[in-house]
Structures are given as structure tokens and as C-alpha cells.
């Protein structure tokens, strides 16, 4: 596998867990310590640390140095790479829907040119 595929795998693996997504949402507001990050969760600090390790391996979170604390901060670069990858598929679906719209418009136009069908009479 190439490096880009490995980074995408790590990013999507990290994003697959709702706790990790919530941690990223919190870090989008600013740096936070493990203690601050574990606050909203019914989870121990070691459990949060395990989630942070997954996020760090994916490059989504980095550690800062602030005296005795090691605040975590968001690094959105892998998210931008994942978005770029997803964007190709969005364009594919847009083009598919545009083709479908064209077919439906053509069918409507043809239906408008035909005389309306008369209902069969009961005898």
C-alpha cells in the first residue's frame, strides 16, 4: 500500500469511533488536557488516553508542552486529505444524478408530445 492509502486508513479508522469524533470536536474548540477531555465521558483517563493514541497515530492530534501539562491539539491536515478523497466520489455522484435528471427530462418531454392514453371503457 502507498503512504496516502495508509494515512486514509488511519484517518477513517480513527473517525470510526464516536468517542474519538467527540474528542476531535472538543479539540476543534482549543487545546485540552487528558483530564479536560475525559470530563464529558463516563470513561477513565487511561481509556481516553487510548483513544488519543489512535488519534495521534492518525496524525489528527498532537501533544503540546506546557510546563507539567501536555495539552492535546487538533491537526486537521488528515481530515483535509480525507475530504479531498471523498470529494472525488461526490463529483461522481453529482455527475450520475445530472445524467439521471437529463434522462428524466427527456422522458417527460416525450410524454408531453404523445397524445394522452384514454382509459378503457367497461362494457
Protein backbone atom coordinates (compact mmCIF):
# COMPACT_ATOMS: atom_id res chain seq x y z
CA UNK A 1 0.00 0.00 0.00
CA UNK A 2 1.15 3.53 -0.56
CA UNK A 3 1.57 6.20 2.09
CA UNK A 4 -1.56 8.10 1.13
CA UNK A 5 -3.69 4.95 1.40
CA UNK A 6 -2.13 4.18 4.79
CA UNK A 7 -2.92 7.72 6.02
CA UNK A 8 -6.50 7.45 4.79
CA UNK A 9 -6.90 4.08 6.51
CA UNK A 10 -5.60 5.53 9.78
CA UNK A 11 -7.85 8.59 9.48
CA UNK A 12 -11.01 6.62 8.76
CA UNK A 13 -10.17 4.11 11.50
CA UNK A 14 -9.80 6.97 13.97
CA UNK A 15 -13.04 8.59 12.80
CA UNK A 16 -14.98 5.32 13.04
CA UNK A 17 -15.39 5.67 16.81
CA UNK A 18 -17.93 8.19 18.20
CA UNK A 19 -15.78 8.93 21.26
CA UNK A 20 -12.84 9.87 19.06
CA UNK A 21 -15.07 12.06 16.91
CA UNK A 22 -16.32 13.80 20.06
CA UNK A 23 -12.72 14.32 21.21
CA UNK A 24 -11.89 15.92 17.86
CA UNK A 25 -14.96 18.15 18.13
CA UNK A 26 -13.79 19.29 21.57
CA UNK A 27 -10.24 19.91 20.33
CA UNK A 28 -11.64 22.00 17.47
CA UNK A 29 -12.57 24.49 20.20
CA UNK A 30 -8.99 24.61 21.52
CA UNK A 31 -6.23 22.63 23.19
CA UNK A 32 -7.17 20.43 26.13
CA UNK A 33 -5.53 18.09 28.64
CA UNK A 34 -6.47 14.44 29.04
CA UNK A 35 -8.32 15.39 32.23
CA UNK A 36 -10.32 18.06 30.39
CA UNK A 37 -11.06 15.68 27.54
CA UNK A 38 -12.22 12.88 29.84
CA UNK A 39 -14.67 15.15 31.69
CA UNK A 40 -17.73 14.74 29.44
CA UNK A 41 -17.29 10.98 29.09
CA UNK A 42 -18.13 8.21 31.50
CA UNK A 43 -14.67 6.86 30.90
CA UNK A 44 -11.40 6.73 32.78
CA UNK A 45 -8.45 8.91 31.82
CA UNK A 46 -6.49 5.81 30.69
CA UNK A 47 -9.37 4.91 28.35
CA UNK A 48 -9.35 8.44 26.91
CA UNK A 49 -5.56 8.16 26.55
CA UNK A 50 -6.02 5.03 24.42
CA UNK A 51 -8.40 6.94 22.15
CA UNK A 52 -5.89 9.78 21.97
CA UNK A 53 -3.15 7.35 20.89
CA UNK A 54 -5.29 6.22 17.96
CA UNK A 55 -5.90 9.86 17.03
CA UNK A 56 -2.18 10.63 17.37
CA UNK A 57 -1.20 7.67 15.15
CA UNK A 58 -3.60 9.01 12.53
CA UNK A 59 -1.94 12.43 12.81
CA UNK A 60 -5.20 14.06 13.91
CA UNK A 61 -3.94 15.05 17.36
CA UNK A 62 -0.57 16.24 18.59
CA UNK A 63 0.85 16.82 22.06
CA UNK A 64 1.92 20.22 23.21
CA UNK A 65 4.25 21.10 26.06
CA UNK A 66 3.03 23.48 28.70
CA UNK A 67 5.14 23.06 31.86
CA UNK A 68 3.84 19.88 33.53
CA UNK A 69 0.79 19.56 31.26
CA UNK A 70 0.76 18.06 27.82
CA UNK A 71 -2.28 19.57 26.15
CA UNK A 72 -3.54 17.90 23.01
CA UNK A 73 -4.30 19.89 19.91
CA UNK A 74 -6.17 19.15 16.73
CA UNK A 75 -4.27 18.76 13.47
CA UNK A 76 -6.84 18.90 10.68
CA UNK A 77 -4.45 18.04 7.83
CA UNK A 78 -5.52 14.35 7.68
CA UNK A 79 -9.17 15.49 7.64
CA UNK A 80 -8.44 17.68 4.62
CA UNK A 81 -6.82 14.70 2.87
CA UNK A 82 -9.85 12.51 3.65
CA UNK A 83 -12.18 15.24 2.41
CA UNK A 84 -10.19 15.51 -0.82
CA UNK A 85 -10.55 11.74 -1.32
CA UNK A 86 -14.29 11.87 -0.62
CA UNK A 87 -14.71 14.84 -2.95
CA UNK A 88 -13.90 12.63 -5.96
CA UNK A 89 -16.86 10.43 -5.09
CA UNK A 90 -19.14 13.39 -4.53
CA UNK A 91 -18.33 14.56 -8.08
CA UNK A 92 -19.06 11.05 -9.37
CA UNK A 93 -22.50 11.05 -7.72
CA UNK A 94 -23.27 14.58 -8.91
CA UNK A 95 -22.48 13.58 -12.49
CA UNK A 96 -24.62 10.44 -12.12
CA UNK A 97 -27.56 12.47 -10.83
CA UNK A 98 -27.12 15.02 -13.63
CA UNK A 99 -27.31 12.19 -16.19
CA UNK A 100 -30.40 10.81 -14.46
CA UNK A 101 -32.02 14.27 -14.49
CA UNK A 102 -31.34 14.53 -18.24
CA UNK A 103 -32.96 11.14 -18.87
CA UNK A 104 -35.98 12.08 -16.76
CA UNK A 105 -36.33 15.43 -18.55
CA UNK A 106 -36.22 13.64 -21.90
CA UNK A 107 -38.87 11.15 -20.74
CA UNK A 108 -41.11 14.00 -19.58
CA UNK A 109 -40.67 15.79 -22.91
CA UNK A 110 -41.56 12.63 -24.84
CA UNK A 111 -44.59 12.02 -22.63
CA UNK A 112 -45.77 15.58 -23.31
CA UNK A 113 -45.62 15.03 -27.09
CA UNK A 114 -47.74 11.88 -27.06
CA UNK A 115 -51.50 12.07 -27.02
CA UNK A 116 -52.82 11.10 -23.59
CA UNK A 117 -53.88 7.48 -23.21
CA UNK A 118 -57.59 7.01 -22.91
CA UNK A 119 -58.89 4.79 -20.19
CA UNK A 120 -60.51 1.57 -21.38
CA UNK A 121 -64.28 1.56 -21.26
CA UNK A 122 -66.12 -1.05 -19.35
CA UNK A 123 -68.80 -2.88 -21.22
